[in-house]
Amino acid sequence: MDEFPGALGTRASLALRFGQAIFAGASLLFMCFDIQFYSYTAFCFLVTIMGLVIPWSLTLAVADAFSVFVKRPTLQPGLLSIIIIGDWVYCLFLKFVYDCCHPEISIMVEN
């Protein structure tokens, strides 16, 4: 079977998942430094989502690390289904947060 860049169980996937967790943590840290942050509901949603991204990405990074270091791909249908559904739900939450943030950012820019 051909190995695609960024597929589960590859070094690229491991690096991408660690990068996702690191950048989610950094964005969470920088958002929490703002004093007026908690007065906007959409940004509270964004903090919640970033708080969920970190453990999700680290869990998948551990699965990738296991596959890379054991040199055995984890192409079990059950595991792949959980990852696909989890990423799908994560994308839906990000879409919801974007839809909530867009009007509030427009109001902030106008003021």
C-alpha atoms as a PDB file:
ATOM      1  CA  MET A   1       0.000   0.000   0.000  1.00  0.00           C
ATOM      2  CA  ASP A   2       1.294   3.451  -0.876  1.00  0.00           C
ATOM      3  CA  GLU A   3       2.096   5.821   1.957  1.00  0.00           C
ATOM      4  CA  PHE A   4       0.522   9.248   1.574  1.00  0.00           C
ATOM      5  CA  PRO A   5       2.182  12.291   3.183  1.00  0.00           C
ATOM      6  CA  GLY A   6       0.380  13.110   6.417  1.00  0.00           C
ATOM      7  CA  ALA A   7      -1.477   9.786   6.591  1.00  0.00           C
ATOM      8  CA  LEU A   8      -2.012   8.238  10.008  1.00  0.00           C
ATOM      9  CA  GLY A   9       1.089   6.478  11.233  1.00  0.00           C
ATOM     10  CA  THR A  10       3.639   8.547   9.307  1.00  0.00           C
ATOM     11  CA  ARG A  11       6.271  10.941  10.597  1.00  0.00           C
ATOM     12  CA  ALA A  12       4.546  13.788   8.766  1.00  0.00           C
ATOM     13  CA  SER A  13       1.291  13.060  10.569  1.00  0.00           C
ATOM     14  CA  LEU A  14       3.123  12.964  13.887  1.00  0.00           C
ATOM     15  CA  ALA A  15       4.704  16.357  13.173  1.00  0.00           C
ATOM     16  CA  LEU A  16       1.385  17.822  12.007  1.00  0.00           C
ATOM     17  CA  ARG A  17      -0.467  16.662  15.124  1.00  0.00           C
ATOM     18  CA  PHE A  18       2.226  17.990  17.463  1.00  0.00           C
ATOM     19  CA  GLY A  19       2.215  21.261  15.524  1.00  0.00           C
ATOM     20  CA  GLN A  20      -1.565  21.456  15.813  1.00  0.00           C
ATOM     21  CA  ALA A  21      -1.381  20.961  19.585  1.00  0.00           C
ATOM     22  CA  ILE A  22       1.439  23.488  19.998  1.00  0.00           C
ATOM     23  CA  PHE A  23      -0.298  26.191  17.958  1.00  0.00           C
ATOM     24  CA  ALA A  24      -3.631  25.545  19.712  1.00  0.00           C
ATOM     25  CA  GLY A  25      -1.882  25.968  23.065  1.00  0.00           C
ATOM     26  CA  ALA A  26      -0.148  29.143  21.900  1.00  0.00           C
ATOM     27  CA  SER A  27      -3.382  30.656  20.590  1.00  0.00           C
ATOM     28  CA  LEU A  28      -5.147  29.747  23.822  1.00  0.00           C
ATOM     29  CA  LEU A  29      -2.371  31.386  25.814  1.00  0.00           C
ATOM     30  CA  PHE A  30      -2.415  34.604  23.771  1.00  0.00           C
ATOM     31  CA  MET A  31      -6.223  34.851  23.852  1.00  0.00           C
ATOM     32  CA  CYS A  32      -6.238  34.564  27.628  1.00  0.00           C
ATOM     33  CA  PHE A  33      -3.827  37.510  28.001  1.00  0.00           C
ATOM     34  CA  ASP A  34      -6.452  39.972  26.752  1.00  0.00           C
ATOM     35  CA  ILE A  35      -8.297  41.738  29.579  1.00  0.00           C
ATOM     36  CA  GLN A  36     -11.556  42.337  27.659  1.00  0.00           C
ATOM     37  CA  PHE A  37     -11.577  38.828  26.261  1.00  0.00           C
ATOM     38  CA  TYR A  38     -14.354  37.393  28.424  1.00  0.00           C
ATOM     39  CA  SER A  39     -16.918  40.013  27.446  1.00  0.00           C
ATOM     40  CA  TYR A  40     -17.314  38.414  23.986  1.00  0.00           C
ATOM     41  CA  THR A  41     -19.208  35.141  23.841  1.00  0.00           C
ATOM     42  CA  ALA A  42     -17.712  34.056  20.528  1.00  0.00           C
ATOM     43  CA  PHE A  43     -14.191  34.264  21.878  1.00  0.00           C
ATOM     44  CA  CYS A  44     -15.242  32.148  24.852  1.00  0.00           C
ATOM     45  CA  PHE A  45     -16.426  29.541  22.321  1.00  0.00           C
ATOM     46  CA  LEU A  46     -13.045  29.768  20.628  1.00  0.00           C
ATOM     47  CA  VAL A  47     -11.213  29.180  23.910  1.00  0.00           C
ATOM     48  CA  THR A  48     -13.401  26.155  24.570  1.00  0.00           C
ATOM     49  CA  ILE A  49     -12.642  24.679  21.159  1.00  0.00           C
ATOM     50  CA  MET A  50      -8.902  25.300  21.519  1.00  0.00           C
ATOM     51  CA  GLY A  51      -9.080  23.591  24.922  1.00  0.00           C
ATOM     52  CA  LEU A  52     -10.596  20.544  23.209  1.00  0.00           C
ATOM     53  CA  VAL A  53      -8.141  20.563  20.306  1.00  0.00           C
ATOM     54  CA  ILE A  54      -5.100  20.144  22.532  1.00  0.00           C
ATOM     55  CA  PRO A  55      -6.035  16.757  24.072  1.00  0.00           C
ATOM     56  CA  TRP A  56      -7.478  15.521  20.753  1.00  0.00           C
ATOM     57  CA  SER A  57      -4.273  16.360  18.872  1.00  0.00           C
ATOM     58  CA  LEU A  58      -2.043  14.915  21.580  1.00  0.00           C
ATOM     59  CA  THR A  59      -4.053  11.680  21.616  1.00  0.00           C
ATOM     60  CA  LEU A  60      -3.674  11.318  17.861  1.00  0.00           C
ATOM     61  CA  ALA A  61       0.017  12.219  18.144  1.00  0.00           C
ATOM     62  CA  VAL A  62       0.451   9.352  20.615  1.00  0.00           C
ATOM     63  CA  ALA A  63      -1.272   6.985  18.152  1.00  0.00           C
ATOM     64  CA  ASP A  64       1.035   8.261  15.393  1.00  0.00           C
ATOM     65  CA  ALA A  65       4.098   7.926  17.608  1.00  0.00           C
ATOM     66  CA  PHE A  66       3.152   4.332  18.395  1.00  0.00           C
ATOM     67  CA  SER A  67       2.782   3.566  14.690  1.00  0.00           C
ATOM     68  CA  VAL A  68       6.053   5.283  13.770  1.00  0.00           C
ATOM     69  CA  PHE A  69       8.197   3.755  16.489  1.00  0.00           C
ATOM     70  CA  VAL A  70       6.709   0.250  16.267  1.00  0.00           C
ATOM     71  CA  LYS A  71       6.795   0.552  12.452  1.00  0.00           C
ATOM     72  CA  ARG A  72       3.343  -0.950  12.131  1.00  0.00           C
ATOM     73  CA  PRO A  73       0.562   1.063  10.493  1.00  0.00           C
ATOM     74  CA  THR A  74      -2.690   1.429  12.409  1.00  0.00           C
ATOM     75  CA  LEU A  75      -5.144   0.959   9.588  1.00  0.00           C
ATOM     76  CA  GLN A  76      -7.846  -0.751  11.625  1.00  0.00           C
ATOM     77  CA  PRO A  77     -11.319   0.273  10.446  1.00  0.00           C
ATOM     78  CA  GLY A  78     -12.592   1.023  13.973  1.00  0.00           C
ATOM     79  CA  LEU A  79      -9.707   3.335  14.805  1.00  0.00           C
ATOM     80  CA  LEU A  80      -9.949   5.131  11.477  1.00  0.00           C
ATOM     81  CA  SER A  81     -13.703   5.605  11.976  1.00  0.00           C
ATOM     82  CA  ILE A  82     -13.148   7.201  15.387  1.00  0.00           C
ATOM     83  CA  ILE A  83     -10.510   9.544  13.970  1.00  0.00           C
ATOM     84  CA  ILE A  84     -12.656  10.522  10.983  1.00  0.00           C
ATOM     85  CA  ILE A  85     -15.712  11.193  13.154  1.00  0.00           C
ATOM     86  CA  GLY A  86     -13.637  13.099  15.720  1.00  0.00           C
ATOM     87  CA  ASP A  87     -12.033  15.314  13.079  1.00  0.00           C
ATOM     88  CA  TRP A  88     -15.434  15.864  11.451  1.00  0.00           C
ATOM     89  CA  VAL A  89     -16.995  16.969  14.753  1.00  0.00           C
ATOM     90  CA  TYR A  90     -13.978  19.184  15.424  1.00  0.00           C
ATOM     91  CA  CYS A  91     -14.413  20.864  12.014  1.00  0.00           C
ATOM     92  CA  LEU A  92     -18.112  21.418  12.659  1.00  0.00           C
ATOM     93  CA  PHE A  93     -17.318  23.106  15.986  1.00  0.00           C
ATOM     94  CA  LEU A  94     -14.731  25.323  14.294  1.00  0.00           C
ATOM     95  CA  LYS A  95     -17.316  26.297  11.664  1.00  0.00           C
ATOM     96  CA  PHE A  96     -19.750  27.171  14.446  1.00  0.00           C
ATOM     97  CA  VAL A  97     -17.129  29.287  16.209  1.00  0.00           C
ATOM     98  CA  TYR A  98     -16.249  31.061  12.964  1.00  0.00           C
ATOM     99  CA  ASP A  99     -19.915  31.836  12.325  1.00  0.00           C
ATOM    100  CA  CYS A 100     -20.210  33.287  15.831  1.00  0.00           C
ATOM    101  CA  CYS A 101     -16.943  35.256  15.702  1.00  0.00           C
ATOM    102  CA  HIS A 102     -17.425  36.895  12.331  1.00  0.00           C
ATOM    103  CA  PRO A 103     -20.198  39.357  13.350  1.00  0.00           C
ATOM    104  CA  GLU A 104     -18.492  40.239  16.633  1.00  0.00           C
ATOM    105  CA  ILE A 105     -15.183  40.970  14.929  1.00  0.00           C
ATOM    106  CA  SER A 106     -17.025  43.243  12.466  1.00  0.00           C
ATOM    107  CA  ILE A 107     -18.539  45.167  15.365  1.00  0.00           C
ATOM    108  CA  MET A 108     -15.156  45.443  17.101  1.00  0.00           C
ATOM    109  CA  VAL A 109     -13.490  46.777  13.946  1.00  0.00           C
ATOM    110  CA  GLU A 110     -16.202  49.405  13.437  1.00  0.00           C
ATOM    111  CA  ASN A 111     -15.774  50.730  16.964  1.00  0.00           C
END
